[in-house]
Protein backbone atom coordinates (compact mmCIF):
# COMPACT_ATOMS: atom_id res chain seq x y z
CA MET A 1 -116.02 -67.87 -61.73
CA SER A 2 -117.18 -69.52 -64.94
CA ARG A 3 -117.01 -73.15 -65.99
CA LYS A 4 -117.85 -72.23 -69.58
CA HIS A 5 -115.47 -69.28 -69.95
CA PRO A 6 -112.54 -69.71 -67.51
CA ILE A 7 -110.18 -66.89 -66.56
CA ILE A 8 -106.53 -67.10 -65.50
CA SER A 9 -104.95 -64.02 -63.92
CA ILE A 10 -101.25 -63.45 -63.31
CA THR A 11 -100.60 -60.74 -60.75
CA GLY A 12 -97.21 -59.31 -59.97
CA SER A 13 -95.62 -56.10 -58.85
CA SER A 14 -93.75 -53.92 -61.33
CA GLY A 15 -90.64 -55.76 -62.52
CA ALA A 16 -91.53 -58.98 -60.72
CA GLY A 17 -91.09 -61.15 -63.80
CA THR A 18 -94.70 -61.62 -64.88
CA THR A 19 -93.67 -61.22 -68.53
CA SER A 20 -91.43 -64.30 -68.22
CA VAL A 21 -94.28 -66.16 -66.58
CA LYS A 22 -96.54 -65.16 -69.46
CA LYS A 23 -94.09 -66.80 -71.87
CA THR A 24 -94.30 -70.02 -69.85
CA PHE A 25 -98.09 -69.94 -70.13
CA GLU A 26 -97.83 -69.31 -73.87
CA GLN A 27 -95.65 -72.40 -74.18
CA ILE A 28 -98.27 -74.45 -72.33
CA PHE A 29 -101.08 -73.00 -74.45
CA PHE A 30 -99.17 -73.82 -77.65
CA ARG A 31 -98.29 -77.36 -76.57
CA GLU A 32 -101.79 -78.17 -75.35
CA LYS A 33 -103.53 -76.36 -78.26
CA VAL A 34 -105.34 -73.91 -75.99
CA ASN A 35 -106.73 -70.83 -77.75
CA ALA A 36 -106.31 -68.02 -75.22
CA ALA A 37 -107.59 -64.44 -75.33
CA TYR A 38 -105.31 -61.88 -73.69
CA ILE A 39 -105.84 -58.83 -71.50
CA GLU A 40 -102.88 -56.66 -70.49
CA GLY A 41 -103.04 -54.98 -67.12
CA ASP A 42 -101.63 -51.65 -68.28
CA ALA A 43 -104.49 -51.35 -70.78
CA PHE A 44 -106.59 -50.41 -67.75
CA HIS A 45 -104.43 -47.54 -66.54
CA ARG A 46 -106.52 -44.36 -66.32
CA TYR A 47 -103.91 -42.05 -67.88
CA ASP A 48 -101.54 -42.33 -70.82
CA ARG A 49 -97.86 -41.47 -70.36
CA ALA A 50 -98.16 -37.70 -70.86
CA GLU A 51 -101.36 -37.47 -68.83
CA MET A 52 -99.78 -39.41 -65.96
CA ARG A 53 -96.81 -37.05 -65.83
CA ALA A 54 -99.12 -34.03 -65.83
CA GLN A 55 -101.36 -35.56 -63.16
CA MET A 56 -98.35 -36.48 -61.04
CA ALA A 57 -97.12 -32.89 -61.19
CA LYS A 58 -100.56 -31.63 -60.13
CA GLU A 59 -100.68 -34.03 -57.20
CA ALA A 60 -97.16 -33.05 -56.14
CA ASP A 61 -98.21 -29.39 -56.12
CA ARG A 62 -101.11 -30.38 -53.84
CA GLY A 63 -98.68 -32.07 -51.47
CA ASN A 64 -99.48 -35.64 -52.53
CA LYS A 65 -96.10 -37.39 -52.70
CA HIS A 66 -97.54 -40.88 -53.14
CA PHE A 67 -99.36 -40.75 -56.48
CA SER A 68 -98.68 -44.02 -58.32
CA HIS A 69 -99.81 -46.52 -60.95
CA PHE A 70 -100.88 -48.90 -58.19
CA SER A 71 -103.93 -47.03 -56.89
CA PRO A 72 -107.65 -46.88 -57.77
CA GLU A 73 -107.20 -43.21 -58.71
CA THR A 74 -104.87 -44.12 -61.59
CA ASN A 75 -106.58 -47.29 -62.80
CA LEU A 76 -109.92 -48.29 -64.28
CA PHE A 77 -110.75 -50.97 -61.72
CA GLU A 78 -114.47 -50.92 -62.49
CA GLU A 79 -113.80 -51.47 -66.21
CA LEU A 80 -111.35 -54.29 -65.43
CA GLU A 81 -113.90 -55.97 -63.18
CA ARG A 82 -116.52 -55.57 -65.93
CA ALA A 83 -114.16 -57.16 -68.48
CA PHE A 84 -113.65 -60.20 -66.23
CA ARG A 85 -117.38 -60.47 -65.51
CA ASP A 86 -118.33 -60.07 -69.19
CA TYR A 87 -115.86 -62.72 -70.29
CA GLY A 88 -117.12 -65.17 -67.67
CA GLU A 89 -120.70 -64.62 -68.82
CA THR A 90 -120.29 -64.30 -72.60
CA GLY A 91 -116.81 -65.46 -73.62
CA THR A 92 -115.73 -62.01 -74.78
CA ALA A 93 -114.95 -58.59 -73.26
CA THR A 94 -113.75 -55.11 -74.14
CA THR A 95 -110.08 -54.14 -73.79
CA ARG A 96 -107.35 -52.09 -75.44
CA HIS A 97 -103.54 -51.95 -75.65
CA TYR A 98 -101.06 -49.58 -74.05
CA VAL A 99 -98.32 -48.84 -76.57
CA HIS A 100 -94.93 -49.00 -74.83
CA ASP A 101 -92.42 -48.28 -77.60
CA ALA A 102 -91.81 -47.69 -81.31
CA GLU A 103 -92.05 -51.40 -82.12
CA GLU A 104 -95.52 -51.64 -80.59
CA SER A 105 -96.42 -48.33 -82.21
CA ALA A 106 -95.80 -49.82 -85.65
CA LEU A 107 -97.87 -52.86 -84.71
CA HIS A 108 -100.87 -51.02 -83.26
CA GLY A 109 -100.82 -47.74 -85.19
CA ALA A 110 -100.72 -45.53 -82.10
CA ALA A 111 -97.99 -43.33 -80.65
CA PRO A 112 -95.76 -44.71 -77.86
CA GLY A 113 -97.18 -43.90 -74.45
CA THR A 114 -100.79 -43.85 -75.65
CA PHE A 115 -103.69 -46.31 -75.79
CA THR A 116 -105.35 -47.95 -78.77
CA ASP A 117 -109.13 -47.74 -79.14
CA TRP A 118 -111.31 -50.05 -77.06
CA LYS A 119 -112.21 -53.27 -78.92
CA ARG A 120 -113.99 -56.54 -78.22
CA LEU A 121 -111.86 -59.63 -77.75
CA PRO A 122 -112.15 -62.35 -80.41
CA GLU A 123 -114.91 -64.84 -79.72
CA ASN A 124 -114.55 -68.63 -79.43
CA SER A 125 -111.44 -68.52 -77.21
CA ASP A 126 -110.85 -71.34 -74.73
CA LEU A 127 -109.97 -69.05 -71.81
CA LEU A 128 -108.99 -65.51 -70.86
CA PHE A 129 -105.44 -64.77 -69.73
CA TYR A 130 -104.69 -61.59 -67.75
CA GLU A 131 -101.20 -60.41 -66.85
CA GLY A 132 -100.62 -57.22 -64.87
CA LEU A 133 -100.69 -55.45 -61.53
CA HIS A 134 -104.30 -55.99 -60.48
CA GLY A 135 -105.53 -59.44 -61.45
CA ALA A 136 -106.71 -60.17 -57.90
CA VAL A 137 -107.46 -56.68 -56.62
CA VAL A 138 -110.22 -56.18 -54.05
CA THR A 139 -111.34 -52.75 -52.82
CA ASP A 140 -114.47 -51.40 -51.17
CA LYS A 141 -115.90 -50.86 -54.67
CA VAL A 142 -114.64 -53.76 -56.83
CA ASN A 143 -113.72 -57.43 -56.49
CA VAL A 144 -111.77 -58.54 -59.53
CA ALA A 145 -110.43 -61.63 -57.74
CA ARG A 146 -113.83 -63.36 -57.51
CA TYR A 147 -114.13 -63.65 -61.30
CA ALA A 148 -110.83 -65.48 -61.93
CA ASP A 149 -110.77 -69.29 -61.87
CA LEU A 150 -107.00 -69.57 -61.39
CA LYS A 151 -105.05 -66.73 -59.77
CA ILE A 152 -101.24 -66.81 -59.82
CA GLY A 153 -99.04 -64.42 -57.84
CA VAL A 154 -95.49 -63.71 -58.99
CA VAL A 155 -93.36 -61.61 -56.66
CA PRO A 156 -89.74 -61.44 -55.51
CA VAL A 157 -88.84 -60.54 -51.95
CA ILE A 158 -88.78 -56.77 -51.56
CA ASN A 159 -85.01 -56.14 -51.74
CA LEU A 160 -84.74 -58.25 -54.88
CA GLU A 161 -87.68 -56.40 -56.39
CA TRP A 162 -85.97 -53.08 -55.74
CA ILE A 163 -82.72 -54.35 -57.31
CA GLN A 164 -84.61 -55.46 -60.41
CA LYS A 165 -86.38 -52.10 -60.69
CA LEU A 166 -83.18 -50.12 -60.15
CA HIS A 167 -81.33 -52.06 -62.85
CA ARG A 168 -84.20 -51.96 -65.34
CA ASP A 169 -84.93 -48.25 -64.95
CA ARG A 170 -81.28 -47.23 -65.05
CA SER A 171 -80.34 -49.37 -68.04
CA ALA A 172 -83.53 -49.27 -70.13
CA ARG A 173 -84.86 -45.82 -69.20
CA GLY A 174 -81.75 -43.87 -68.28
CA TYR A 175 -82.94 -42.92 -64.78
CA SER A 176 -80.53 -42.13 -61.97
CA THR A 177 -80.44 -44.19 -58.77
CA GLU A 178 -81.88 -41.19 -56.92
CA ALA A 179 -84.82 -40.90 -59.35
CA VAL A 180 -85.65 -44.61 -59.06
CA THR A 181 -85.40 -44.40 -55.27
CA ASP A 182 -87.87 -41.50 -55.30
CA THR A 183 -90.25 -43.63 -57.41
CA ILE A 184 -90.00 -46.53 -54.95
CA LEU A 185 -90.75 -44.22 -52.03
CA ARG A 186 -93.65 -42.57 -53.87
CA ARG A 187 -95.25 -45.94 -54.64
CA MET A 188 -94.80 -47.53 -51.24
CA PRO A 189 -98.18 -46.69 -49.62
CA ASP A 190 -100.12 -47.90 -52.67
CA TYR A 191 -97.89 -50.98 -52.89
CA ILE A 192 -98.78 -51.84 -49.30
CA HIS A 193 -102.52 -51.19 -49.72
CA TYR A 194 -103.23 -52.47 -53.26
CA ILE A 195 -100.45 -54.84 -54.37
CA CYS A 196 -99.52 -56.88 -51.29
CA PRO A 197 -103.12 -57.83 -50.32
CA GLN A 198 -103.65 -59.49 -53.70
CA PHE A 199 -101.19 -62.26 -52.83
CA THR A 200 -103.60 -63.40 -50.14
CA GLU A 201 -106.28 -63.81 -52.82
CA THR A 202 -104.11 -65.81 -55.24
CA ASP A 203 -104.31 -69.61 -55.51
CA ILE A 204 -100.57 -70.13 -56.05
CA ASN A 205 -97.67 -67.76 -55.36
CA PHE A 206 -94.20 -68.02 -56.85
CA GLN A 207 -91.75 -65.94 -54.81
CA ARG A 208 -88.09 -65.66 -55.75
CA VAL A 209 -85.68 -65.36 -52.82
CA PRO A 210 -81.98 -64.55 -53.40
CA THR A 211 -79.34 -66.62 -51.61
CA VAL A 212 -76.73 -63.86 -51.90
CA ASP A 213 -76.44 -60.62 -49.92
CA THR A 214 -79.03 -58.06 -51.04
CA SER A 215 -79.06 -56.11 -47.77
CA ASN A 216 -78.42 -52.80 -49.57
CA PRO A 217 -80.29 -53.05 -52.88
CA PHE A 218 -79.40 -49.48 -53.85
CA ILE A 219 -75.72 -50.28 -54.40
CA ALA A 220 -76.10 -53.78 -55.89
CA ARG A 221 -74.10 -54.08 -59.12
CA TRP A 222 -76.11 -56.90 -60.63
CA ILE A 223 -79.35 -58.79 -60.24
CA PRO A 224 -78.98 -62.18 -58.50
CA THR A 225 -79.18 -64.93 -61.09
CA PRO A 226 -81.62 -67.87 -60.95
CA ASP A 227 -78.73 -70.04 -59.74
CA GLU A 228 -78.28 -67.60 -56.85
CA SER A 229 -81.95 -67.84 -55.89
CA MET A 230 -84.58 -70.17 -54.52
CA VAL A 231 -88.28 -70.11 -55.36
CA VAL A 232 -90.94 -70.49 -52.67
CA ILE A 233 -94.16 -71.92 -54.14
CA ARG A 234 -97.20 -71.50 -51.89
CA PHE A 235 -100.54 -73.22 -52.53
CA LYS A 236 -103.58 -71.56 -50.97
CA ASN A 237 -105.41 -74.90 -51.02
CA PRO A 238 -102.93 -77.81 -51.11
CA ARG A 239 -105.68 -80.43 -51.40
CA GLY A 240 -105.17 -82.51 -54.54
CA ILE A 241 -101.58 -81.33 -55.15
CA ASP A 242 -99.24 -84.29 -55.68
CA PHE A 243 -96.34 -83.08 -53.56
CA PRO A 244 -94.29 -86.33 -53.71
CA TYR A 245 -94.42 -86.17 -57.52
CA LEU A 246 -93.34 -82.53 -57.58
CA LEU A 247 -90.49 -83.19 -55.15
CA SER A 248 -89.28 -86.10 -57.28
CA MET A 249 -89.38 -83.98 -60.47
CA LEU A 250 -87.70 -80.90 -58.97
CA PRO A 251 -84.18 -81.87 -57.81
CA GLN A 252 -83.01 -80.30 -54.54
CA SER A 253 -86.52 -79.19 -53.65
CA TRP A 254 -88.20 -79.63 -50.28
CA MET A 255 -91.37 -78.76 -48.43
CA SER A 256 -90.97 -75.90 -45.97
CA ARG A 257 -94.61 -76.02 -44.85
CA ALA A 258 -97.59 -78.25 -45.48
CA ASN A 259 -98.62 -76.00 -48.38
CA SER A 260 -95.21 -74.79 -49.62
CA ILE A 261 -92.40 -76.14 -51.78
CA VAL A 262 -88.95 -74.57 -52.14
CA CYS A 263 -86.97 -75.30 -55.30
CA PRO A 264 -83.83 -73.94 -56.99
CA GLY A 265 -84.41 -70.69 -58.88
CA ALA A 266 -83.22 -72.23 -62.14
CA LYS A 267 -86.11 -74.73 -61.92
CA LEU A 268 -88.85 -72.08 -61.89
CA ASP A 269 -89.92 -72.71 -65.48
CA LEU A 270 -90.03 -76.49 -64.95
CA ALA A 271 -91.95 -76.05 -61.69
CA MET A 272 -94.53 -73.88 -63.42
CA GLN A 273 -94.90 -76.33 -66.27
CA LEU A 274 -95.41 -79.24 -63.87
CA ILE A 275 -97.84 -77.41 -61.58
CA LEU A 276 -99.83 -75.30 -64.02
CA THR A 277 -100.31 -77.63 -67.01
CA PRO A 278 -102.72 -80.00 -65.22
CA LEU A 279 -104.59 -77.06 -63.65
CA ILE A 280 -105.04 -75.39 -67.03
CA MET A 281 -106.18 -78.64 -68.59
CA GLN A 282 -108.71 -79.13 -65.77
CA LEU A 283 -110.26 -75.78 -66.68
CA ILE A 284 -110.32 -76.70 -70.38
CA GLU A 285 -111.76 -80.17 -69.80
CA ARG A 286 -114.42 -78.73 -67.51
CA LYS A 287 -115.32 -76.21 -70.19
CA ARG A 288 -115.46 -78.82 -72.96
CA SER A 289 -117.58 -81.15 -70.85
CA LEU A 290 -120.37 -78.57 -71.03
CA LYS A 291 -120.58 -78.73 -74.82
């Protein structure tokens, strides 16, 4: 971790809502005049879209039915660790962009489903912000988690996550329920081994829990709304957290454990603003005190 060049990593499973969380951070950065550099997790996938499909077909022919975007074999974990380490030491690092669609293609000048060239991040940023699948990953070869100063986990309970993925892939990508189910099954071993363990490394977890019946996610007609959900907020180290203040500012919230708050799902954005703003400013003030 670096006092001079702090790093914030947001880690979530696919479809967990990390993009919405990123927008909350951007609001905080704008309001507090924090100049952030950004790294996107999918920039460190090993294969582009066509290569991944080809590699998946090869692995299927070999009998590997669990080849996924979650594993070390399909990601550049060493390069991601190096980017975190370089930023902590120098205030800059090398990254690239994965181009998702035609809109991003026009912006970056690369075809959808491909990567842009590797480039150095702009210098003189206040902090580095990572959002993706592996911001706190630890394997026998790499330890990305040790380089981040503030690690945030964002994950729904598993049935809700499956509902979100089913709805997104069917509506946005045109997949059938059977195809999405096959994807969930294919990813499950890597999810267990490389995604779940990261939420033990994170400093704060935000977990959305539906309060409606999601017992069969494969037939659910709609995603539970924020008003039909609660959010469990777990602090790895609760020391210094002003729980009475948070409870007073988040109506209908309560403490379920000595390090956990539960609040209405519709209050997630407010909860993040209240909890994360002072933590971000602590990193910035610590950085500026060194100048």
